[in-house]
Amino acid sequence: QVQLVESGGGLVQPGGSLRLSCAASGIINSIGDMGWYRQAPGRELVATITRAGNTRYADSVKGRFTISRNNANNTVYLQMNTLKPEDTAVYYCNAYIRSTGYVYDNYWGKGTLVTVSS
């Protein structure tokens, strides 16, 4: 049973910063691409990172958000700076994980709410 658990969401003022974390647990042989998506109201990609560390960002967050990962502890992070009210959303962690067998399955966390408001 593989789980992704996010943490770090909350209320922040415009211009502030937050750091989201997502830890994968369970029977894990290998983790491929990891990423963050957000929903408000539609779900959109925020950032992704490969196992080798190659990153991709939505245009709306480039220069403000940084995605990183720690392969040793199966964790992905999202450092969010210069937050804007339009960044308000539920943020979801996503990962391709090979548990048992040879196939990478796609997993989602339950989400963490980020609210940017004065």
Protein backbone atom coordinates (compact mmCIF):
# COMPACT_ATOMS: atom_id res chain seq x y z
CA GLN A 1 0.00 0.00 0.00
CA VAL A 2 1.60 3.22 -1.19
CA GLN A 3 0.60 6.59 0.23
CA LEU A 4 1.52 10.19 -0.50
CA VAL A 5 1.05 12.59 2.39
CA GLU A 6 1.33 16.35 1.91
CA SER A 7 2.05 18.92 4.59
CA GLY A 8 2.91 22.60 4.87
CA GLY A 9 -0.21 24.31 3.60
CA GLY A 10 -1.87 27.20 5.38
CA LEU A 11 -2.77 30.87 5.31
CA VAL A 12 -0.16 33.37 4.15
CA GLN A 13 -0.25 37.03 3.20
CA PRO A 14 0.45 38.15 -0.37
CA GLY A 15 4.20 38.30 -0.93
CA GLY A 16 4.85 35.64 1.67
CA SER A 17 6.34 32.16 1.41
CA LEU A 18 5.35 28.59 2.17
CA ARG A 19 7.09 25.26 1.76
CA LEU A 20 5.08 22.17 0.92
CA SER A 21 6.34 18.66 1.56
CA CYS A 22 5.12 15.32 0.30
CA ALA A 23 6.37 12.02 1.65
CA ALA A 24 5.80 8.69 -0.04
CA SER A 25 5.46 5.63 2.16
CA GLY A 26 4.68 1.95 1.83
CA ILE A 27 6.30 -0.71 -0.31
CA ILE A 28 8.44 1.33 -2.71
CA ASN A 29 11.02 -0.04 -5.09
CA SER A 30 11.51 3.05 -7.18
CA ILE A 31 10.00 6.50 -7.71
CA GLY A 32 10.01 8.16 -11.11
CA ASP A 33 8.67 11.62 -11.83
CA MET A 34 7.18 13.54 -8.92
CA GLY A 35 5.16 16.70 -9.08
CA TRP A 36 2.71 19.19 -7.68
CA TYR A 37 -0.66 20.12 -9.11
CA ARG A 38 -3.27 22.53 -7.84
CA GLN A 39 -7.02 22.80 -8.13
CA ALA A 40 -9.01 26.02 -8.08
CA PRO A 41 -11.34 25.11 -9.70
CA GLY A 42 -9.73 23.03 -12.48
CA ARG A 43 -6.61 20.94 -11.78
CA GLU A 44 -3.42 22.31 -13.30
CA LEU A 45 0.24 21.33 -13.27
CA VAL A 46 2.43 23.46 -11.04
CA ALA A 47 5.82 21.74 -11.29
CA THR A 48 7.39 18.36 -11.93
CA ILE A 49 10.81 16.87 -11.28
CA THR A 50 12.42 13.73 -12.63
CA ARG A 51 14.49 11.36 -10.54
CA ALA A 52 17.59 12.95 -12.06
CA GLY A 53 16.43 16.39 -10.98
CA ASN A 54 15.17 17.85 -14.25
CA THR A 55 12.35 20.29 -13.56
CA ARG A 56 9.39 21.80 -15.39
CA TYR A 57 7.16 24.64 -14.23
CA ALA A 58 3.89 26.26 -15.17
CA ASP A 59 4.49 29.71 -16.65
CA SER A 60 2.45 31.25 -13.83
CA VAL A 61 4.92 30.10 -11.15
CA LYS A 62 8.28 30.33 -12.94
CA GLY A 63 10.77 32.36 -10.93
CA ARG A 64 8.66 32.14 -7.77
CA PHE A 65 8.31 28.42 -7.02
CA THR A 66 11.06 25.81 -6.75
CA ILE A 67 10.50 22.05 -6.78
CA SER A 68 13.07 19.70 -5.28
CA ARG A 69 13.24 16.12 -4.07
CA ASN A 70 15.16 13.88 -1.73
CA ASN A 71 15.40 10.42 -3.25
CA ALA A 72 16.82 8.95 -0.05
CA ASN A 73 13.66 9.67 1.92
CA ASN A 74 11.14 9.58 -0.93
CA THR A 75 10.09 13.19 -0.47
CA VAL A 76 9.30 16.03 -2.84
CA TYR A 77 9.15 19.69 -1.85
CA LEU A 78 7.67 22.87 -3.28
CA GLN A 79 9.14 26.15 -2.08
CA MET A 80 6.68 28.91 -2.88
CA ASN A 81 7.85 32.52 -2.71
CA THR A 82 6.23 35.83 -3.56
CA LEU A 83 2.81 34.24 -3.23
CA LYS A 84 -0.18 35.88 -4.89
CA PRO A 85 -3.91 35.58 -4.14
CA GLU A 86 -4.30 33.65 -7.40
CA ASP A 87 -2.03 30.93 -5.98
CA THR A 88 -4.83 30.04 -3.57
CA ALA A 89 -5.75 26.41 -4.21
CA VAL A 90 -5.61 22.88 -2.92
CA TYR A 91 -2.16 21.56 -3.83
CA TYR A 92 -1.80 17.88 -4.66
CA CYS A 93 1.32 15.76 -4.74
CA ASN A 94 1.71 13.26 -7.58
CA ALA A 95 4.24 10.52 -8.17
CA TYR A 96 4.96 7.53 -10.39
CA ILE A 97 5.94 4.70 -8.09
CA ARG A 98 7.01 1.13 -8.70
CA SER A 99 5.88 -0.86 -5.71
CA THR A 100 5.80 -4.59 -6.35
CA GLY A 101 6.20 -5.82 -9.90
CA TYR A 102 7.63 -3.97 -12.89
CA VAL A 103 5.08 -1.23 -13.60
CA TYR A 104 5.09 2.37 -12.40
CA ASP A 105 1.65 3.33 -11.10
CA ASN A 106 0.44 6.90 -10.65
CA TYR A 107 -0.42 8.04 -7.13
CA TRP A 108 -2.01 11.18 -5.70
CA GLY A 109 -1.98 12.68 -2.24
CA LYS A 110 -5.16 13.98 -0.60
CA GLY A 111 -4.11 17.60 -0.97
CA THR A 112 -3.17 20.53 1.24
CA LEU A 113 -4.89 23.90 1.16
CA VAL A 114 -2.88 27.04 0.47
CA THR A 115 -4.69 30.33 1.03
CA VAL A 116 -3.05 33.61 0.07
CA SER A 117 -4.96 36.51 1.58
CA SER A 118 -4.46 39.65 3.59
